[in-house]
């Protein structure tokens, strides 16, 4: 998701930025929107930074979920294509990887691509995120000067907020998925109980025998038990209506 918030870039004071970050984290926006706001604020707050992106790696597949400009997206994609680069290493290790592209000994392809794009430095900070998802906040700079320690420290601070946003989203998604599973299970149980009641009335059998009949029908037809029960319930309703 491209982020293009209208701000005077480089004008945000860190304390004001962190106050705004706290407001962002208390909001109820989607993960992409939250990360987009964090990325835009990082771009406008961290000294010498031109563009920012966020990489997420889920099940070994990396993708840029938000970016403040095409430059960041392009340099991220180059790393994904070659399977190596500072954003990938930061995402996997959780470390902070700072690159001066005049030194291409560690990431030669990335360094060449960055130089061609006019980028002189990059900072990728691993996000502290849970489960199978890992990620990094990536900052790209075109300054001829060395990046100050303040720049790296601020990048790490913004990454911690991004990590919390991803962690909260992962927790919510896990809980929502669990709730969906529970709801589906309850619906299945309800329709099976309904089918059992129909068979008990038709066949004059008890609940155990009705369940055995459903199980046998499921095996004979190679269909799920719930689908068999649903068919019995639907057919019974049709018979009553006719």
Protein backbone atom coordinates (compact mmCIF):
# COMPACT_ATOMS: atom_id res chain seq x y z
CA UNK A 1 0.00 0.00 0.00
CA UNK A 2 1.44 3.34 -1.05
CA UNK A 3 1.45 6.03 1.63
CA UNK A 4 1.27 9.68 0.67
CA UNK A 5 0.35 11.83 3.63
CA UNK A 6 0.73 15.59 3.20
CA UNK A 7 3.37 16.79 5.66
CA UNK A 8 6.41 18.99 5.74
CA UNK A 9 8.96 16.22 5.58
CA UNK A 10 11.69 16.37 8.18
CA UNK A 11 9.75 18.89 10.28
CA UNK A 12 8.29 16.56 12.91
CA UNK A 13 9.91 16.74 16.34
CA UNK A 14 10.49 13.31 17.95
CA UNK A 15 8.41 14.03 21.07
CA UNK A 16 5.48 15.26 18.99
CA UNK A 17 5.89 12.27 16.68
CA UNK A 18 5.76 9.81 19.55
CA UNK A 19 2.66 11.50 20.91
CA UNK A 20 1.06 11.04 17.52
CA UNK A 21 2.24 7.43 17.40
CA UNK A 22 0.43 6.79 20.67
CA UNK A 23 -2.77 8.13 19.11
CA UNK A 24 -2.26 5.95 16.05
CA UNK A 25 -1.83 2.86 18.20
CA UNK A 26 -5.07 3.57 20.05
CA UNK A 27 -6.99 3.81 16.79
CA UNK A 28 -9.11 1.11 15.19
CA UNK A 29 -7.74 1.21 11.66
CA UNK A 30 -6.57 -1.77 9.62
CA UNK A 31 -3.01 -3.06 9.93
CA UNK A 32 -2.02 -1.59 6.55
CA UNK A 33 -3.43 1.82 7.49
CA UNK A 34 -1.68 1.78 10.86
CA UNK A 35 1.65 0.72 9.38
CA UNK A 36 1.21 3.32 6.65
CA UNK A 37 0.81 6.07 9.21
CA UNK A 38 3.84 4.83 11.15
CA UNK A 39 5.94 4.73 7.97
CA UNK A 40 4.88 8.22 6.92
CA UNK A 41 5.59 9.61 10.36
CA UNK A 42 9.00 7.91 10.41
CA UNK A 43 9.85 9.44 7.04
CA UNK A 44 8.91 12.89 8.32
CA UNK A 45 10.65 12.56 11.69
CA UNK A 46 13.88 10.60 11.26
CA UNK A 47 16.69 12.92 10.02
CA UNK A 48 18.01 12.48 6.45
CA UNK A 49 15.44 9.82 5.53
CA UNK A 50 13.77 10.02 2.11
CA UNK A 51 11.51 6.97 1.94
CA UNK A 52 10.25 4.26 4.29
CA UNK A 53 8.69 0.83 3.81
CA UNK A 54 7.61 -2.14 5.90
CA UNK A 55 8.50 -5.70 4.94
CA UNK A 56 6.58 -8.67 6.30
CA UNK A 57 7.72 -12.26 5.83
CA UNK A 58 5.02 -14.88 6.32
CA UNK A 59 5.79 -18.54 5.65
CA UNK A 60 9.10 -17.57 4.03
CA UNK A 61 7.44 -15.21 1.54
CA UNK A 62 8.44 -11.55 1.78
CA UNK A 63 6.30 -8.63 0.68
CA UNK A 64 6.23 -4.87 1.15
CA UNK A 65 2.94 -4.07 2.84
CA UNK A 66 3.33 -0.27 2.93
CA UNK A 67 5.73 2.20 1.33
CA UNK A 68 6.01 5.98 1.23
CA UNK A 69 7.38 6.09 -2.32
CA UNK A 70 8.20 3.95 -5.34
CA UNK A 71 11.91 4.16 -4.53
CA UNK A 72 11.44 2.17 -1.32
CA UNK A 73 9.20 -0.34 -3.08
CA UNK A 74 11.74 -0.78 -5.90
CA UNK A 75 14.67 -1.43 -3.57
CA UNK A 76 12.63 -3.83 -1.45
CA UNK A 77 11.57 -5.78 -4.54
CA UNK A 78 15.17 -6.08 -5.75
CA UNK A 79 16.03 -7.79 -2.48
CA UNK A 80 13.07 -10.16 -2.70
CA UNK A 81 13.99 -11.13 -6.26
CA UNK A 82 17.52 -12.10 -5.27
CA UNK A 83 16.57 -13.54 -1.90
CA UNK A 84 19.18 -11.47 -0.07
CA UNK A 85 19.40 -7.96 1.31
CA UNK A 86 19.36 -5.89 4.49
CA UNK A 87 15.58 -5.84 4.85
CA UNK A 88 15.40 -9.64 4.63
CA UNK A 89 18.25 -10.13 7.09
CA UNK A 90 16.73 -7.65 9.53
CA UNK A 91 13.31 -9.32 9.22
CA UNK A 92 14.65 -12.80 9.86
CA UNK A 93 17.13 -11.95 12.64
CA UNK A 94 15.30 -9.09 14.34
CA UNK A 95 18.52 -7.08 14.25
CA UNK A 96 19.22 -3.61 12.89
CA UNK A 97 21.13 -3.63 9.60
CA UNK A 98 22.74 -0.36 8.50
CA UNK A 99 24.21 -0.21 5.00
CA UNK A 100 26.53 2.35 3.43
CA UNK A 101 26.17 1.52 -0.26
CA UNK A 102 29.73 2.59 -1.05
CA UNK A 103 30.68 -0.71 0.56
CA UNK A 104 29.18 -3.49 -1.55
CA UNK A 105 31.03 -6.38 0.08
CA UNK A 106 27.98 -7.71 1.94
CA UNK A 107 25.08 -6.84 -0.40
CA UNK A 108 26.63 -6.17 -3.82
CA UNK A 109 23.41 -6.30 -5.87
CA UNK A 110 21.49 -4.17 -3.38
CA UNK A 111 24.36 -1.66 -3.17
CA UNK A 112 24.47 -1.29 -6.97
CA UNK A 113 20.71 -0.88 -7.21
CA UNK A 114 20.70 1.67 -4.41
CA UNK A 115 23.52 3.71 -5.96
CA UNK A 116 21.72 3.77 -9.32
CA UNK A 117 18.63 5.07 -7.52
CA UNK A 118 20.62 7.78 -5.73
CA UNK A 119 20.38 6.13 -2.31
CA UNK A 120 23.49 6.30 -0.13
CA UNK A 121 22.37 4.55 3.06
CA UNK A 122 19.69 2.22 4.33
CA UNK A 123 18.54 1.22 7.79
CA UNK A 124 16.44 -1.91 8.26
CA UNK A 125 15.18 -2.68 11.75
CA UNK A 126 13.70 -6.06 12.59
CA UNK A 127 10.20 -5.98 14.04
CA UNK A 128 9.52 -7.89 17.25
CA UNK A 129 6.52 -9.82 15.91
CA UNK A 130 5.05 -13.21 16.87
CA UNK A 131 4.23 -16.59 15.39
CA UNK A 132 5.20 -17.23 11.75
CA UNK A 133 5.29 -13.58 10.75
CA UNK A 134 8.49 -11.56 10.89
CA UNK A 135 9.22 -8.17 9.42
CA UNK A 136 11.36 -5.07 9.16
CA UNK A 137 11.01 -1.31 8.97
CA UNK A 138 13.19 -0.05 6.12
CA UNK A 139 14.47 3.52 5.78
CA UNK A 140 16.32 4.83 2.73
CA UNK A 141 18.49 7.95 2.66
CA UNK A 142 20.34 9.91 -0.02
CA UNK A 143 22.45 12.03 2.32
CA UNK A 144 26.20 12.13 1.57
CA UNK A 145 26.94 12.11 5.30
CA UNK A 146 27.17 9.13 7.61
CA UNK A 147 23.93 8.38 9.42
CA UNK A 148 23.94 9.66 12.98
CA UNK A 149 23.29 7.44 15.96
CA UNK A 150 20.14 9.52 16.57
CA UNK A 151 18.84 8.44 13.17
CA UNK A 152 19.35 4.76 13.93
CA UNK A 153 17.88 5.10 17.43
CA UNK A 154 14.77 6.81 16.07
CA UNK A 155 14.41 4.15 13.40
CA UNK A 156 14.48 1.49 16.12
CA UNK A 157 11.87 3.38 18.13
CA UNK A 158 9.51 3.56 15.16
CA UNK A 159 10.11 -0.14 14.46
CA UNK A 160 9.00 -0.99 17.98
CA UNK A 161 5.66 0.73 17.34
CA UNK A 162 5.29 -1.06 14.01
CA UNK A 163 6.06 -4.34 15.77
CA UNK A 164 3.32 -3.72 18.32
CA UNK A 165 0.85 -2.97 15.53
CA UNK A 166 1.70 -6.24 13.76
CA UNK A 167 1.58 -8.19 17.02
CA UNK A 168 -1.85 -6.79 17.85
CA UNK A 169 -3.10 -7.61 14.36
CA UNK A 170 -1.70 -11.14 14.59
CA UNK A 171 -3.41 -11.64 17.94
CA UNK A 172 -6.71 -10.28 16.60
CA UNK A 173 -6.52 -12.39 13.45
CA UNK A 174 -5.75 -15.48 15.50
CA UNK A 175 -8.65 -14.77 17.84
CA UNK A 176 -10.99 -14.01 14.95
CA UNK A 177 -9.98 -17.20 13.16
CA UNK A 178 -10.53 -19.17 16.35
CA UNK A 179 -13.95 -17.56 16.79
CA UNK A 180 -14.85 -18.44 13.21
CA UNK A 181 -13.78 -22.02 13.79
CA UNK A 182 -15.86 -22.22 16.95
CA UNK A 183 -18.89 -20.74 15.21
CA UNK A 184 -18.53 -23.19 12.33
CA UNK A 185 -18.24 -26.07 14.79
CA UNK A 186 -21.37 -24.95 16.62
CA UNK A 187 -23.28 -24.68 13.35
CA UNK A 188 -22.14 -28.16 12.35
CA UNK A 189 -23.16 -29.54 15.71
CA UNK A 190 -26.58 -27.91 15.43
CA UNK A 191 -27.35 -29.32 11.98
CA UNK A 192 -26.11 -32.79 13.01
CA UNK A 193 -28.33 -32.75 16.08
CA UNK A 194 -31.24 -31.71 13.85
CA UNK A 195 -30.58 -34.61 11.46
CA UNK A 196 -30.30 -37.05 14.36
CA UNK A 197 -33.68 -35.91 15.63
CA UNK A 198 -35.21 -36.47 12.18
CA UNK A 199 -33.76 -40.01 11.95
CA UNK A 200 -34.90 -40.83 15.49
CA UNK A 201 -38.45 -39.83 14.58
CA UNK A 202 -38.41 -41.69 11.28
CA UNK A 203 -36.68 -44.88 12.40
CA UNK A 204 -37.82 -45.04 16.01
CA UNK A 205 -34.21 -45.29 17.16
CA UNK A 206 -32.22 -43.62 19.91
CA UNK A 207 -29.60 -40.87 19.53
CA UNK A 208 -26.64 -43.26 19.33
CA UNK A 209 -28.24 -45.31 16.58
CA UNK A 210 -29.19 -42.16 14.67
CA UNK A 211 -25.59 -40.98 14.83
CA UNK A 212 -24.36 -44.36 13.59
CA UNK A 213 -26.74 -44.09 10.65
CA UNK A 214 -25.34 -40.64 9.80
CA UNK A 215 -21.80 -41.93 10.06
CA UNK A 216 -22.57 -44.87 7.80
CA UNK A 217 -24.17 -42.60 5.20
CA UNK A 218 -21.13 -40.36 5.36
CA UNK A 219 -18.74 -43.24 4.76
CA UNK A 220 -20.84 -44.83 2.01
CA UNK A 221 -21.18 -41.57 0.07
CA UNK A 222 -17.69 -40.23 0.89
CA UNK A 223 -19.21 -36.97 2.07
CA UNK A 224 -18.68 -35.02 5.24
CA UNK A 225 -20.97 -35.81 8.15
CA UNK A 226 -22.15 -32.22 8.28
CA UNK A 227 -23.07 -32.28 4.58
CA UNK A 228 -25.10 -35.47 5.05
CA UNK A 229 -26.89 -33.94 8.02
CA UNK A 230 -27.56 -30.75 6.05
CA UNK A 231 -29.08 -32.75 3.20
CA UNK A 232 -31.40 -34.63 5.54
CA UNK A 233 -32.52 -31.40 7.20
CA UNK A 234 -33.10 -29.61 3.88
CA UNK A 235 -34.96 -32.53 2.34
CA UNK A 236 -37.18 -32.83 5.39
CA UNK A 237 -38.07 -29.14 5.19
CA UNK A 238 -38.87 -29.53 1.48
CA UNK A 239 -41.11 -32.49 2.18
CA UNK A 240 -43.01 -30.53 4.82
CA UNK A 241 -43.48 -27.55 2.52
CA UNK A 242 -44.78 -29.74 -0.29
